[in-house]
N, C-alpha and C. Protein backbone atom coordinates (compact mmCIF):
# COMPACT_ATOMS: atom_id res chain seq x y z
N MET A 1 0.82 -1.19 0.00
CA MET A 1 0.00 0.00 0.00
C MET A 1 0.86 1.25 0.00
N ALA A 2 1.91 1.24 0.84
CA ALA A 2 2.78 2.41 0.89
C ALA A 2 3.47 2.63 -0.44
N THR A 3 3.83 1.53 -1.12
CA THR A 3 4.48 1.65 -2.41
C THR A 3 3.55 2.25 -3.44
N SER A 4 2.28 1.82 -3.43
CA SER A 4 1.34 2.39 -4.40
C SER A 4 1.06 3.86 -4.12
N MET A 5 1.02 4.24 -2.83
CA MET A 5 0.83 5.65 -2.50
C MET A 5 2.03 6.45 -2.97
N PHE A 6 3.26 5.88 -2.77
CA PHE A 6 4.47 6.56 -3.19
C PHE A 6 4.48 6.70 -4.71
N THR A 7 4.12 5.63 -5.42
CA THR A 7 4.12 5.64 -6.88
C THR A 7 3.12 6.65 -7.42
N SER A 8 1.92 6.67 -6.84
CA SER A 8 0.92 7.61 -7.34
C SER A 8 1.31 9.05 -7.05
N SER A 9 1.92 9.31 -5.90
CA SER A 9 2.35 10.68 -5.60
C SER A 9 3.50 11.09 -6.52
N PHE A 10 4.37 10.13 -6.85
CA PHE A 10 5.46 10.45 -7.77
C PHE A 10 4.92 10.69 -9.17
N ALA A 11 3.91 9.92 -9.58
CA ALA A 11 3.30 10.12 -10.90
C ALA A 11 2.63 11.49 -10.98
N ARG A 12 1.96 11.91 -9.90
CA ARG A 12 1.35 13.25 -9.90
C ARG A 12 2.43 14.32 -9.97
N ALA A 13 3.55 14.09 -9.27
CA ALA A 13 4.63 15.08 -9.30
C ALA A 13 5.24 15.15 -10.70
N GLN A 14 5.34 14.02 -11.39
CA GLN A 14 5.90 14.02 -12.73
C GLN A 14 5.03 14.82 -13.70
N ALA A 15 3.73 14.79 -13.48
CA ALA A 15 2.83 15.53 -14.36
C ALA A 15 3.08 17.03 -14.27
N ARG A 16 3.61 17.50 -13.15
CA ARG A 16 3.87 18.92 -12.97
C ARG A 16 5.23 19.35 -13.50
N TRP A 17 6.09 18.39 -13.87
CA TRP A 17 7.42 18.76 -14.31
C TRP A 17 7.36 19.51 -15.63
N CYS A 18 8.38 20.29 -15.85
CA CYS A 18 8.48 21.04 -17.09
C CYS A 18 8.72 20.09 -18.27
N PRO A 19 8.44 20.53 -19.49
CA PRO A 19 8.62 19.65 -20.66
C PRO A 19 10.06 19.18 -20.85
N GLU A 20 11.01 19.99 -20.46
CA GLU A 20 12.42 19.62 -20.63
C GLU A 20 12.79 18.39 -19.79
N ALA A 21 12.11 18.19 -18.68
CA ALA A 21 12.44 17.08 -17.78
C ALA A 21 11.67 15.81 -18.12
N LYS A 22 10.78 15.90 -19.10
CA LYS A 22 9.92 14.76 -19.41
C LYS A 22 10.71 13.53 -19.84
N HIS A 23 11.80 13.72 -20.56
CA HIS A 23 12.56 12.60 -21.09
C HIS A 23 13.85 12.33 -20.31
N LEU A 24 13.97 12.94 -19.16
CA LEU A 24 15.15 12.73 -18.33
C LEU A 24 15.13 11.32 -17.74
N PRO A 25 16.20 10.54 -17.92
CA PRO A 25 16.20 9.19 -17.35
C PRO A 25 16.19 9.24 -15.82
N GLN A 26 15.58 8.25 -15.24
CA GLN A 26 15.44 8.18 -13.78
C GLN A 26 16.30 7.07 -13.22
N LEU A 27 16.67 7.23 -11.95
CA LEU A 27 17.23 6.11 -11.22
C LEU A 27 16.08 5.16 -10.92
N GLN A 28 16.34 3.87 -10.97
CA GLN A 28 15.30 2.90 -10.65
C GLN A 28 15.93 1.68 -9.99
N ILE A 29 15.14 0.98 -9.23
CA ILE A 29 15.58 -0.26 -8.59
C ILE A 29 15.04 -1.42 -9.42
N ASP A 30 15.93 -2.31 -9.80
CA ASP A 30 15.55 -3.44 -10.63
C ASP A 30 16.36 -4.66 -10.21
N GLU A 31 16.01 -5.80 -10.77
CA GLU A 31 16.73 -7.05 -10.49
C GLU A 31 17.95 -7.14 -11.39
N ILE A 32 19.02 -7.71 -10.86
CA ILE A 32 20.24 -7.94 -11.64
C ILE A 32 20.03 -9.22 -12.43
N ARG A 33 20.24 -9.16 -13.73
CA ARG A 33 19.98 -10.32 -14.57
C ARG A 33 21.23 -11.14 -14.86
N ASP A 34 22.33 -10.52 -15.16
CA ASP A 34 23.57 -11.23 -15.49
C ASP A 34 24.73 -10.50 -14.82
N PRO A 35 24.93 -10.73 -13.50
CA PRO A 35 25.96 -9.96 -12.80
C PRO A 35 27.38 -10.35 -13.21
N VAL A 36 28.23 -9.37 -13.29
CA VAL A 36 29.64 -9.60 -13.58
C VAL A 36 30.32 -10.17 -12.35
N LEU A 37 29.95 -9.63 -11.18
CA LEU A 37 30.48 -10.09 -9.89
C LEU A 37 29.45 -11.00 -9.22
N PRO A 38 29.89 -11.92 -8.37
CA PRO A 38 28.91 -12.69 -7.61
C PRO A 38 28.20 -11.76 -6.61
N VAL A 39 26.88 -11.85 -6.56
CA VAL A 39 26.10 -10.96 -5.70
C VAL A 39 25.27 -11.78 -4.72
N VAL A 40 25.03 -11.18 -3.54
CA VAL A 40 24.18 -11.79 -2.52
C VAL A 40 22.76 -11.27 -2.70
N ASP A 41 22.63 -9.95 -2.83
CA ASP A 41 21.33 -9.32 -3.04
C ASP A 41 21.10 -9.17 -4.54
N THR A 42 19.94 -9.58 -5.01
CA THR A 42 19.70 -9.57 -6.46
C THR A 42 19.11 -8.25 -6.96
N TRP A 43 18.84 -7.30 -6.09
CA TRP A 43 18.33 -6.00 -6.54
C TRP A 43 19.49 -5.01 -6.64
N GLN A 44 19.30 -4.02 -7.48
CA GLN A 44 20.33 -3.01 -7.69
C GLN A 44 19.68 -1.72 -8.17
N VAL A 45 20.29 -0.59 -7.86
CA VAL A 45 19.85 0.70 -8.38
C VAL A 45 20.53 0.90 -9.73
N PHE A 46 19.74 1.27 -10.73
CA PHE A 46 20.24 1.48 -12.09
C PHE A 46 19.90 2.88 -12.57
N TRP A 47 20.72 3.40 -13.45
CA TRP A 47 20.43 4.63 -14.19
C TRP A 47 20.69 4.30 -15.65
N ARG A 48 19.63 4.24 -16.44
CA ARG A 48 19.71 3.89 -17.87
C ARG A 48 20.41 2.55 -18.07
N GLY A 49 20.15 1.59 -17.20
CA GLY A 49 20.75 0.28 -17.32
C GLY A 49 22.14 0.14 -16.73
N VAL A 50 22.70 1.23 -16.22
CA VAL A 50 24.03 1.19 -15.61
C VAL A 50 23.85 1.06 -14.10
N PRO A 51 24.46 0.04 -13.48
CA PRO A 51 24.30 -0.12 -12.04
C PRO A 51 25.00 0.99 -11.27
N ILE A 52 24.35 1.43 -10.19
CA ILE A 52 24.87 2.47 -9.31
C ILE A 52 25.17 1.81 -7.96
N SER A 53 26.36 2.05 -7.44
CA SER A 53 26.74 1.44 -6.15
C SER A 53 26.06 2.16 -5.00
N ASP A 54 26.12 1.54 -3.82
CA ASP A 54 25.55 2.16 -2.62
C ASP A 54 26.22 3.50 -2.32
N ALA A 55 27.53 3.56 -2.48
CA ALA A 55 28.26 4.81 -2.21
C ALA A 55 27.88 5.90 -3.21
N GLN A 56 27.73 5.53 -4.47
CA GLN A 56 27.33 6.52 -5.47
C GLN A 56 25.92 7.03 -5.21
N LEU A 57 25.03 6.13 -4.81
CA LEU A 57 23.66 6.54 -4.50
C LEU A 57 23.65 7.51 -3.32
N ALA A 58 24.42 7.23 -2.30
CA ALA A 58 24.49 8.12 -1.13
C ALA A 58 25.03 9.48 -1.53
N GLN A 59 26.02 9.51 -2.41
CA GLN A 59 26.58 10.78 -2.85
C GLN A 59 25.61 11.55 -3.72
N LEU A 60 24.92 10.86 -4.62
CA LEU A 60 23.92 11.53 -5.47
C LEU A 60 22.78 12.11 -4.64
N ALA A 61 22.44 11.43 -3.54
CA ALA A 61 21.35 11.91 -2.69
C ALA A 61 21.83 12.97 -1.70
N ASP A 62 23.10 13.31 -1.73
CA ASP A 62 23.69 14.28 -0.79
C ASP A 62 23.46 13.89 0.66
N ASP A 63 23.53 12.61 0.96
CA ASP A 63 23.37 12.10 2.32
C ASP A 63 24.77 11.94 2.93
N ASP A 64 25.24 12.98 3.62
CA ASP A 64 26.60 12.99 4.15
C ASP A 64 26.81 11.93 5.22
N VAL A 65 25.80 11.69 6.06
CA VAL A 65 25.94 10.70 7.13
C VAL A 65 26.13 9.31 6.53
N LEU A 66 25.31 8.97 5.56
CA LEU A 66 25.42 7.66 4.92
C LEU A 66 26.71 7.54 4.12
N THR A 67 27.13 8.60 3.47
CA THR A 67 28.38 8.58 2.71
C THR A 67 29.56 8.31 3.63
N GLU A 68 29.59 8.97 4.77
CA GLU A 68 30.67 8.74 5.74
C GLU A 68 30.61 7.33 6.33
N LYS A 69 29.39 6.83 6.56
CA LYS A 69 29.23 5.48 7.08
C LYS A 69 29.79 4.45 6.09
N LEU A 70 29.61 4.69 4.80
CA LEU A 70 30.11 3.77 3.79
C LEU A 70 31.61 3.92 3.56
N ARG A 71 32.15 5.09 3.85
CA ARG A 71 33.59 5.32 3.67
C ARG A 71 34.41 4.88 4.87
N ALA A 72 33.82 4.79 6.04
CA ALA A 72 34.56 4.49 7.26
C ALA A 72 35.38 3.20 7.18
N PRO A 73 34.82 2.09 6.68
CA PRO A 73 35.65 0.88 6.59
C PRO A 73 36.85 1.02 5.66
N MET A 74 36.76 1.91 4.68
CA MET A 74 37.89 2.11 3.76
C MET A 74 39.08 2.74 4.48
N GLU A 75 38.81 3.54 5.51
CA GLU A 75 39.88 4.22 6.23
C GLU A 75 40.71 3.25 7.07
N THR A 76 40.10 2.17 7.56
CA THR A 76 40.83 1.21 8.39
C THR A 76 41.36 0.04 7.57
N ARG A 77 41.08 0.03 6.30
CA ARG A 77 41.47 -1.09 5.45
C ARG A 77 42.98 -1.30 5.42
N GLY A 78 43.75 -0.25 5.34
CA GLY A 78 45.22 -0.37 5.29
C GLY A 78 45.80 -1.01 6.52
N ALA A 79 45.30 -0.65 7.68
CA ALA A 79 45.81 -1.25 8.93
C ALA A 79 45.56 -2.75 8.95
N TRP A 80 44.39 -3.17 8.48
CA TRP A 80 44.07 -4.60 8.47
C TRP A 80 44.93 -5.34 7.46
N VAL A 81 45.25 -4.71 6.34
CA VAL A 81 46.12 -5.34 5.35
C VAL A 81 47.51 -5.54 5.94
N TYR A 82 48.05 -4.52 6.60
CA TYR A 82 49.38 -4.66 7.20
C TYR A 82 49.38 -5.70 8.32
N LEU A 83 48.32 -5.75 9.10
CA LEU A 83 48.22 -6.77 10.15
C LEU A 83 48.20 -8.17 9.52
N GLY A 84 47.46 -8.33 8.44
CA GLY A 84 47.44 -9.61 7.73
C GLY A 84 48.80 -9.98 7.17
N LEU A 85 49.54 -8.99 6.67
CA LEU A 85 50.89 -9.24 6.18
C LEU A 85 51.82 -9.70 7.29
N VAL A 86 51.71 -9.09 8.46
CA VAL A 86 52.54 -9.48 9.60
C VAL A 86 52.20 -10.90 10.04
N VAL A 87 50.90 -11.21 10.10
CA VAL A 87 50.49 -12.56 10.50
C VAL A 87 50.96 -13.59 9.47
N ALA A 88 50.84 -13.27 8.18
CA ALA A 88 51.29 -14.20 7.14
C ALA A 88 52.80 -14.40 7.20
N ALA A 89 53.55 -13.33 7.43
CA ALA A 89 55.01 -13.45 7.53
C ALA A 89 55.40 -14.26 8.77
N ALA A 90 54.73 -14.01 9.88
CA ALA A 90 55.01 -14.80 11.10
C ALA A 90 54.69 -16.27 10.86
N GLY A 91 53.61 -16.55 10.16
CA GLY A 91 53.25 -17.93 9.85
C GLY A 91 54.29 -18.58 8.95
N ALA A 92 54.77 -17.85 7.95
CA ALA A 92 55.79 -18.40 7.05
C ALA A 92 57.08 -18.68 7.81
N ALA A 93 57.48 -17.78 8.69
CA ALA A 93 58.70 -17.98 9.48
C ALA A 93 58.55 -19.18 10.43
N THR A 94 57.40 -19.28 11.06
CA THR A 94 57.16 -20.40 11.98
C THR A 94 57.15 -21.72 11.21
N ALA A 95 56.48 -21.75 10.08
CA ALA A 95 56.43 -22.97 9.27
C ALA A 95 57.83 -23.35 8.79
N SER A 96 58.60 -22.39 8.33
CA SER A 96 59.96 -22.67 7.85
C SER A 96 60.82 -23.25 8.96
N THR A 97 60.74 -22.63 10.12
CA THR A 97 61.50 -23.13 11.27
C THR A 97 61.09 -24.56 11.62
N GLY A 98 59.79 -24.79 11.67
CA GLY A 98 59.29 -26.13 12.00
C GLY A 98 59.74 -27.17 11.00
N TRP A 99 59.68 -26.85 9.71
CA TRP A 99 60.07 -27.84 8.70
C TRP A 99 61.57 -28.07 8.67
N VAL A 100 62.36 -27.02 8.91
CA VAL A 100 63.82 -27.21 8.97
C VAL A 100 64.18 -28.10 10.15
N LEU A 101 63.59 -27.82 11.32
CA LEU A 101 63.87 -28.65 12.50
C LEU A 101 63.36 -30.08 12.31
N TYR A 102 62.26 -30.22 11.61
CA TYR A 102 61.71 -31.55 11.34
C TYR A 102 62.70 -32.37 10.49
N GLY A 103 63.30 -31.71 9.52
CA GLY A 103 64.25 -32.40 8.64
C GLY A 103 65.58 -32.72 9.31
N GLN A 104 65.96 -31.97 10.33
CA GLN A 104 67.24 -32.19 11.01
C GLN A 104 67.16 -33.28 12.07
N ASN A 105 65.98 -33.64 12.49
CA ASN A 105 65.77 -34.66 13.53
C ASN A 105 66.48 -34.32 14.84
N THR A 106 66.59 -33.02 15.18
CA THR A 106 67.23 -32.64 16.44
C THR A 106 66.23 -32.46 17.56
N MET A 107 64.97 -32.30 17.23
CA MET A 107 63.91 -32.13 18.22
C MET A 107 62.87 -33.22 17.99
N PRO A 108 62.00 -33.44 18.96
CA PRO A 108 60.95 -34.44 18.76
C PRO A 108 60.07 -34.06 17.56
N ARG A 109 59.68 -35.04 16.78
CA ARG A 109 58.89 -34.81 15.56
C ARG A 109 57.53 -34.19 15.87
N ALA A 110 56.95 -34.49 16.98
CA ALA A 110 55.64 -33.92 17.33
C ALA A 110 55.74 -32.40 17.46
N VAL A 111 56.85 -31.91 18.02
CA VAL A 111 57.04 -30.47 18.20
C VAL A 111 57.30 -29.81 16.84
N THR A 112 58.21 -30.37 16.08
CA THR A 112 58.57 -29.74 14.80
C THR A 112 57.42 -29.82 13.80
N LEU A 113 56.69 -30.96 13.81
CA LEU A 113 55.54 -31.08 12.92
C LEU A 113 54.45 -30.08 13.31
N SER A 114 54.25 -29.89 14.61
CA SER A 114 53.28 -28.89 15.08
C SER A 114 53.68 -27.48 14.66
N LEU A 115 54.97 -27.17 14.76
CA LEU A 115 55.45 -25.85 14.33
C LEU A 115 55.22 -25.66 12.83
N GLY A 116 55.57 -26.65 12.05
CA GLY A 116 55.41 -26.55 10.60
C GLY A 116 53.96 -26.39 10.19
N MET A 117 53.08 -27.25 10.71
CA MET A 117 51.66 -27.18 10.36
C MET A 117 50.99 -25.92 10.93
N GLY A 118 51.34 -25.58 12.17
CA GLY A 118 50.78 -24.37 12.78
C GLY A 118 51.19 -23.12 12.02
N GLY A 119 52.44 -23.09 11.56
CA GLY A 119 52.91 -21.96 10.77
C GLY A 119 52.18 -21.85 9.44
N LEU A 120 51.93 -23.00 8.81
CA LEU A 120 51.17 -22.98 7.56
C LEU A 120 49.76 -22.43 7.78
N LEU A 121 49.12 -22.87 8.85
CA LEU A 121 47.76 -22.38 9.16
C LEU A 121 47.77 -20.89 9.48
N LEU A 122 48.78 -20.46 10.23
CA LEU A 122 48.89 -19.04 10.56
C LEU A 122 49.12 -18.21 9.30
N GLY A 123 49.97 -18.68 8.41
CA GLY A 123 50.21 -17.97 7.15
C GLY A 123 48.96 -17.91 6.29
N LEU A 124 48.21 -19.02 6.23
CA LEU A 124 46.96 -19.04 5.48
C LEU A 124 45.95 -18.06 6.07
N ALA A 125 45.87 -18.02 7.40
CA ALA A 125 44.96 -17.08 8.06
C ALA A 125 45.35 -15.63 7.73
N GLY A 126 46.64 -15.35 7.67
CA GLY A 126 47.09 -14.00 7.31
C GLY A 126 46.72 -13.63 5.89
N VAL A 127 46.90 -14.56 4.96
CA VAL A 127 46.55 -14.30 3.56
C VAL A 127 45.04 -14.10 3.41
N LEU A 128 44.25 -14.94 4.08
CA LEU A 128 42.79 -14.78 4.01
C LEU A 128 42.33 -13.46 4.62
N SER A 129 42.97 -13.04 5.72
CA SER A 129 42.59 -11.75 6.32
C SER A 129 42.95 -10.58 5.40
N ILE A 130 44.04 -10.71 4.66
CA ILE A 130 44.41 -9.67 3.69
C ILE A 130 43.32 -9.56 2.62
N GLY A 131 42.93 -10.70 2.07
CA GLY A 131 41.90 -10.69 1.03
C GLY A 131 40.58 -10.13 1.53
N GLU A 132 40.20 -10.52 2.73
CA GLU A 132 38.93 -10.04 3.29
C GLU A 132 38.99 -8.54 3.60
N SER A 133 40.13 -8.08 4.11
CA SER A 133 40.22 -6.66 4.45
C SER A 133 40.33 -5.78 3.21
N ILE A 134 40.69 -6.34 2.09
CA ILE A 134 40.71 -5.56 0.85
C ILE A 134 39.33 -5.57 0.21
N GLN A 135 38.68 -6.73 0.17
CA GLN A 135 37.43 -6.88 -0.56
C GLN A 135 36.23 -6.28 0.16
N THR A 136 36.04 -6.61 1.42
CA THR A 136 34.80 -6.24 2.12
C THR A 136 34.57 -4.73 2.20
N PRO A 137 35.54 -3.89 2.57
CA PRO A 137 35.27 -2.45 2.59
C PRO A 137 35.03 -1.85 1.21
N LEU A 138 35.46 -2.56 0.17
CA LEU A 138 35.32 -2.06 -1.18
C LEU A 138 33.93 -2.32 -1.76
N GLU A 139 33.19 -3.29 -1.18
CA GLU A 139 31.91 -3.70 -1.75
C GLU A 139 30.90 -2.57 -1.95
N PRO A 140 30.72 -1.63 -1.00
CA PRO A 140 29.73 -0.57 -1.25
C PRO A 140 30.10 0.36 -2.41
N HIS A 141 31.34 0.31 -2.84
CA HIS A 141 31.80 1.19 -3.91
C HIS A 141 31.78 0.51 -5.27
N LEU A 142 31.43 -0.78 -5.30
CA LEU A 142 31.37 -1.53 -6.55
C LEU A 142 29.95 -1.54 -7.10
N ALA A 143 29.83 -1.61 -8.40
CA ALA A 143 28.51 -1.74 -9.01
C ALA A 143 28.58 -2.82 -10.07
N PRO A 144 27.76 -3.84 -10.01
CA PRO A 144 26.73 -4.07 -9.01
C PRO A 144 27.35 -4.40 -7.65
N THR A 145 26.65 -3.97 -6.63
CA THR A 145 27.12 -4.15 -5.26
C THR A 145 26.95 -5.61 -4.85
N PRO A 146 28.04 -6.30 -4.46
CA PRO A 146 27.91 -7.70 -4.07
C PRO A 146 26.98 -7.92 -2.87
N ARG A 147 27.13 -7.12 -1.83
CA ARG A 147 26.26 -7.19 -0.66
C ARG A 147 25.96 -5.74 -0.25
N HIS A 148 24.69 -5.37 -0.28
CA HIS A 148 24.32 -3.98 -0.01
C HIS A 148 24.53 -3.63 1.46
N ARG A 149 25.00 -2.41 1.70
CA ARG A 149 25.15 -1.90 3.06
C ARG A 149 23.93 -1.07 3.47
N ILE A 150 23.06 -0.79 2.50
CA ILE A 150 21.81 -0.10 2.81
C ILE A 150 20.66 -1.03 2.45
N ASN A 151 19.57 -0.91 3.16
CA ASN A 151 18.44 -1.79 2.86
C ASN A 151 17.64 -1.23 1.68
N ARG A 152 16.72 -2.04 1.19
CA ARG A 152 15.97 -1.66 -0.01
C ARG A 152 15.05 -0.48 0.24
N GLU A 153 14.47 -0.38 1.43
CA GLU A 153 13.59 0.75 1.74
C GLU A 153 14.35 2.08 1.73
N LEU A 154 15.55 2.07 2.32
CA LEU A 154 16.37 3.28 2.29
C LEU A 154 16.78 3.61 0.86
N ALA A 155 17.08 2.58 0.08
CA ALA A 155 17.44 2.81 -1.33
C ALA A 155 16.27 3.44 -2.08
N ARG A 156 15.05 3.00 -1.81
CA ARG A 156 13.87 3.61 -2.46
C ARG A 156 13.76 5.09 -2.10
N THR A 157 13.97 5.40 -0.85
CA THR A 157 13.90 6.80 -0.41
C THR A 157 14.98 7.63 -1.09
N LEU A 158 16.19 7.10 -1.16
CA LEU A 158 17.28 7.84 -1.79
C LEU A 158 17.05 8.00 -3.29
N VAL A 159 16.54 6.96 -3.95
CA VAL A 159 16.25 7.03 -5.38
C VAL A 159 15.20 8.12 -5.64
N ALA A 160 14.16 8.16 -4.83
CA ALA A 160 13.13 9.19 -5.00
C ALA A 160 13.72 10.59 -4.79
N ALA A 161 14.59 10.73 -3.80
CA ALA A 161 15.21 12.04 -3.55
C ALA A 161 16.10 12.47 -4.71
N VAL A 162 16.86 11.54 -5.25
CA VAL A 162 17.75 11.87 -6.38
C VAL A 162 16.93 12.23 -7.61
N ASN A 163 15.91 11.43 -7.91
CA ASN A 163 15.08 11.72 -9.08
C ASN A 163 14.40 13.08 -8.93
N HIS A 164 13.89 13.37 -7.75
CA HIS A 164 13.23 14.66 -7.52
C HIS A 164 14.22 15.81 -7.71
N ARG A 165 15.43 15.66 -7.17
CA ARG A 165 16.42 16.71 -7.32
C ARG A 165 16.81 16.91 -8.79
N LEU A 166 16.97 15.81 -9.54
CA LEU A 166 17.31 15.93 -10.96
C LEU A 166 16.24 16.70 -11.72
N TYR A 167 14.97 16.33 -11.50
CA TYR A 167 13.88 17.02 -12.19
C TYR A 167 13.82 18.48 -11.78
N THR A 168 13.98 18.76 -10.51
CA THR A 168 13.92 20.14 -10.03
C THR A 168 15.03 20.98 -10.66
N GLU A 169 16.25 20.43 -10.71
CA GLU A 169 17.37 21.17 -11.27
C GLU A 169 17.20 21.41 -12.77
N ILE A 170 16.69 20.41 -13.49
CA ILE A 170 16.47 20.58 -14.93
C ILE A 170 15.41 21.65 -15.19
N CYS A 171 14.32 21.60 -14.43
CA CYS A 171 13.25 22.58 -14.62
C CYS A 171 13.72 23.99 -14.24
N ALA A 172 14.51 24.08 -13.17
CA ALA A 172 15.03 25.40 -12.77
C ALA A 172 15.97 25.95 -13.84
N ALA A 173 16.80 25.08 -14.40
CA ALA A 173 17.71 25.53 -15.45
C ALA A 173 16.93 25.95 -16.69
N ALA A 174 15.87 25.21 -17.03
CA ALA A 174 15.04 25.57 -18.19
C ALA A 174 14.36 26.92 -17.97
N GLN A 175 13.85 27.15 -16.76
CA GLN A 175 13.20 28.43 -16.47
C GLN A 175 14.20 29.56 -16.51
N ASN A 176 15.42 29.33 -16.03
CA ASN A 176 16.44 30.38 -16.06
C ASN A 176 16.85 30.70 -17.49
N SER A 177 16.91 29.66 -18.34
CA SER A 177 17.30 29.95 -19.74
C SER A 177 16.18 30.68 -20.47
N VAL A 178 14.92 30.35 -20.16
CA VAL A 178 13.80 31.06 -20.77
C VAL A 178 13.78 32.50 -20.28
N ALA A 179 14.04 32.71 -19.00
CA ALA A 179 14.03 34.05 -18.44
C ALA A 179 15.18 34.89 -19.01
N SER A 180 16.32 34.27 -19.27
CA SER A 180 17.45 35.03 -19.81
C SER A 180 17.25 35.35 -21.29
N GLU A 181 16.44 34.55 -22.00
CA GLU A 181 16.19 34.80 -23.40
C GLU A 181 15.05 35.79 -23.62
N ALA A 182 14.26 36.04 -22.61
CA ALA A 182 13.11 36.94 -22.75
C ALA A 182 13.62 38.37 -23.01
N PRO A 183 12.92 39.09 -23.91
CA PRO A 183 13.36 40.47 -24.20
C PRO A 183 13.12 41.36 -22.97
N ARG A 184 14.04 42.23 -22.75
CA ARG A 184 13.94 43.14 -21.62
C ARG A 184 13.28 44.43 -22.06
N PRO A 185 12.38 44.93 -21.22
CA PRO A 185 11.69 46.18 -21.60
C PRO A 185 12.56 47.40 -21.52
């Protein structure tokens, strides 16, 4: 019901727009049909068939709070990458030490085998954390967005705000150009 009320109010608002804005393409929410990236959510915001990311939608809607919320994970991404590198390097060093000692037969095999295998697992954990810390904060900036950071209701509100602003700006520009072309008395 709320959607139909929103749609009908938007349709009435469109009827009032100036002729110049009649053919202006709108942002719309649609289903992703053939995603380039693997996606969790199958809906996406599009403009003329081009997917718009969550971050781009927030910027187009001039929502500073949401834009900062989507940018915040990007600021800590570097620290997590370096931490993952340190963990991976520590794992490689531990595994190397364990395997060298295992081959020399100077320590009990249970200890050296544990060092070697534990180091491999630690190195793998470091590499996986690097990949995750690079990919996850980047998702809101990709289009199509693999996993949305905003819900669909908020996206509808932002899409309506962006479309309204686009129409308003086009009509205002058209009125200004008509006013500037009018002969002065």
